[in-house]
Structure formats: C-alpha cells, structure tokens
Protein backbone atom coordinates (compact mmCIF):
# COMPACT_ATOMS: atom_id res chain seq x y z
CA MET A 1 131.32 130.70 96.23
CA MET A 2 134.66 129.31 97.35
CA LEU A 3 136.42 130.46 100.47
CA ARG A 4 140.12 131.30 100.50
CA ASP A 5 140.94 127.93 102.03
CA GLY A 6 139.47 126.20 98.95
CA SER A 7 136.29 125.00 100.66
CA TRP A 8 132.79 125.81 99.44
CA ASP A 9 130.71 128.46 101.18
CA LEU A 10 127.51 126.42 101.51
CA ASN A 11 125.54 129.32 102.97
CA ARG A 12 126.18 131.44 99.88
CA ILE A 13 125.42 128.53 97.57
CA HIS A 14 122.08 127.88 99.30
CA ALA A 15 121.31 131.61 99.28
CA LYS A 16 121.76 131.66 95.50
CA GLY A 17 119.26 128.81 95.13
CA TYR A 18 121.36 126.81 92.67
CA THR A 19 119.75 123.53 93.69
CA ASP A 20 116.31 124.93 92.87
CA ASN A 21 117.67 126.13 89.54
CA VAL A 22 118.83 122.59 88.75
CA VAL A 23 115.31 121.28 89.32
CA ASP A 24 113.88 124.10 87.18
CA LEU A 25 116.37 123.23 84.44
CA MET A 26 115.39 119.56 84.65
CA VAL A 27 111.67 120.44 84.57
CA GLY A 28 112.30 122.38 81.38
CA LYS A 29 114.08 119.41 79.86
CA LEU A 30 111.36 116.96 80.97
CA THR A 31 108.52 119.07 79.57
CA ARG A 32 110.09 118.82 76.11
CA LEU A 33 109.78 115.02 76.24
CA PRO A 34 106.76 113.23 74.72
CA VAL A 35 103.70 113.30 77.00
CA GLU A 36 103.77 109.51 77.40
CA THR A 37 107.40 109.69 78.58
CA GLN A 38 106.54 112.42 81.08
CA GLN A 39 103.66 110.35 82.44
CA VAL A 40 105.80 107.24 83.01
CA LEU A 41 108.57 109.35 84.58
CA GLN A 42 105.99 110.79 86.99
CA LEU A 43 104.95 107.28 87.99
CA LEU A 44 108.59 106.22 88.34
CA ALA A 45 109.19 109.25 90.58
CA CYS A 46 106.25 108.22 92.78
CA LEU A 47 107.67 104.71 93.10
CA GLY A 48 111.07 106.00 94.14
CA ASN A 49 114.51 106.40 92.65
CA VAL A 50 114.36 102.94 91.08
CA ALA A 51 111.43 100.75 90.03
CA GLU A 52 111.06 97.36 88.45
CA VAL A 53 109.57 97.21 84.98
CA VAL A 54 106.83 94.93 86.36
CA MET A 55 105.77 97.63 88.82
CA LEU A 56 105.78 100.26 86.08
CA CYS A 57 103.62 97.98 83.92
CA ILE A 58 101.12 97.59 86.76
CA VAL A 59 100.81 101.29 87.54
CA ARG A 60 100.90 102.31 83.86
CA GLY A 61 98.41 99.62 82.84
CA THR A 62 100.50 98.58 79.84
CA GLY A 63 102.94 95.86 78.89
CA ALA A 64 106.71 95.96 79.16
CA GLU A 65 107.20 96.84 75.49
CA ALA A 66 105.06 99.96 75.90
CA VAL A 67 106.91 100.98 79.08
CA HIS A 68 110.29 100.55 77.34
CA ALA A 69 109.07 102.51 74.32
CA ASP A 70 107.65 105.30 76.49
CA LEU A 71 110.89 105.61 78.45
CA TRP A 72 113.27 105.32 75.50
CA GLU A 73 113.66 109.08 74.98
CA ALA A 74 114.44 109.61 78.69
CA VAL A 75 117.07 106.87 78.48
CA ARG A 76 118.49 108.41 75.30
CA GLN A 77 118.77 111.79 77.01
CA GLU A 78 120.45 110.11 80.01
CA LEU A 79 117.77 111.17 82.49
CA ILE A 80 117.22 107.57 83.56
CA VAL A 81 119.12 104.32 83.18
CA ARG A 82 117.64 101.00 82.14
CA LEU A 83 118.94 98.15 84.23
CA ALA A 84 118.23 94.44 83.69
CA ASP A 85 114.65 94.57 84.97
CA SER A 86 114.23 98.10 86.26
CA TYR A 87 114.77 101.79 85.60
CA THR A 88 116.53 104.30 87.84
CA PHE A 89 116.91 108.05 87.79
CA VAL A 90 120.47 109.24 87.18
CA HIS A 91 120.13 111.83 89.96
CA ASP A 92 117.70 112.68 92.72
CA ARG A 93 117.10 116.11 91.18
CA VAL A 94 115.79 114.45 88.01
CA GLN A 95 113.40 112.41 90.16
CA GLU A 96 112.37 115.58 92.01
CA ALA A 97 111.73 117.36 88.70
CA ALA A 98 109.66 114.44 87.36
CA TYR A 99 107.63 114.37 90.57
CA SER A 100 107.04 118.12 90.39
CA LEU A 101 105.29 117.65 87.03
CA ILE A 102 102.37 116.10 88.92
CA PRO A 103 100.07 118.94 89.97
CA GLU A 104 100.19 119.25 93.77
CA GLU A 105 96.45 118.85 94.15
CA LEU A 106 96.59 115.49 92.32
CA ARG A 107 99.57 113.94 94.09
CA ALA A 108 97.64 112.28 96.91
CA ALA A 109 95.21 110.72 94.43
CA VAL A 110 98.07 109.47 92.25
CA HIS A 111 99.78 107.86 95.26
CA LEU A 112 96.49 106.29 96.37
CA ARG A 113 95.85 104.88 92.89
CA ILE A 114 99.38 103.45 92.71
CA GLY A 115 99.10 101.95 96.17
CA ARG A 116 95.78 100.30 95.35
CA LEU A 117 97.07 98.90 92.05
CA LEU A 118 100.15 97.45 93.71
CA ALA A 119 98.10 96.01 96.56
CA GLU A 120 95.80 94.31 94.01
CA HIS A 121 98.80 92.71 92.35
CA THR A 122 100.60 91.62 95.52
CA PRO A 123 100.35 87.84 95.88
CA ARG A 124 98.77 86.49 99.02
CA ARG A 125 100.63 84.02 101.23
CA SER A 126 98.99 82.17 104.07
CA GLY A 127 96.00 84.47 103.97
CA ARG A 128 98.23 87.54 104.38
CA ARG A 129 99.93 89.80 101.90
CA ARG A 130 103.70 89.71 101.63
CA SER A 131 105.97 92.09 103.51
CA SER A 132 105.90 94.37 100.47
CA ARG A 133 102.71 95.77 102.01
CA SER A 134 104.77 98.23 104.06
CA SER A 135 106.49 99.50 100.92
CA ILE A 136 103.10 99.83 99.21
CA ASN A 137 101.90 101.89 102.16
CA SER A 138 104.91 104.18 101.81
CA ILE A 139 104.14 104.65 98.11
CA ALA A 140 100.48 105.34 98.81
CA ALA A 141 101.45 108.10 101.26
CA PRO A 142 102.34 111.27 99.34
CA CYS A 143 105.72 112.85 99.96
C-alpha cells in the first residue's frame, strides 16, 4: 500500500475497499449494542456528528436521564463522547455505520419525523421561527 517514497498509494487503498470494511466493522460492533442504544445512535446520526441532549430528548420522546442511560454503553465502548450538554461521534465512520442501521426505505420518513418534531419545539419569535429552521430543513432532508 505504500510507495517506495514512503507515501500511500491511495488508488490501491480505495481499490481494496478498506474504508467500507471499517464501516462494516463498526456496523457489527453497533448491532451488538442494546436495541435502545442502537435506536438513539440512529437518531444522533440523523442529527449530525454532534447533537444536544435536548434535541435527542425531543426526537427520542424521552427525558435526559433515559437518553443518557440509552447511550451509556456506546460511551463506554468509546463510539461516542458525552460533552457538557451534547453527544458526538468519535469518528465519521461510526456515524455512517449508525446511519446505515436505518433501513434505506425508512430513512426519508425518519428524517421527516425528526424535522417535524424539531419544528414543533422551535420557539417562535415575532411571529416567525428562529433561524434554526434552515438546520431543521437540512435534517428533514435525507442524506
């Protein structure tokens, strides 16, 4: 995989499909987690690389304690990191693996549901919703 000059031969690396193998490896690891943990990780993946606990509570329909409990095993296995008021994936491939657990035919519906829930919980100001509306629209649009 390395050339004589010490650089990486990216064409050979891509041809081997190592990056896909990393996602497959992560999917295998994620599927061994409790179902509740998998479900919250899927929602986190839809929200992006990082999401506030409040947002996870809204889209999960539970309180913060339940979200923390559901994500504990993923934190313990160092798949995600708990920050002060949010969670973040440790790597984009972990996020990709979590997202891939959502059946393709359900992804659009999941994004729509999340977008609607977040829109419902977005405070109104001066008769208009805050600027977070554009981020909600990006969440509601499947990847």
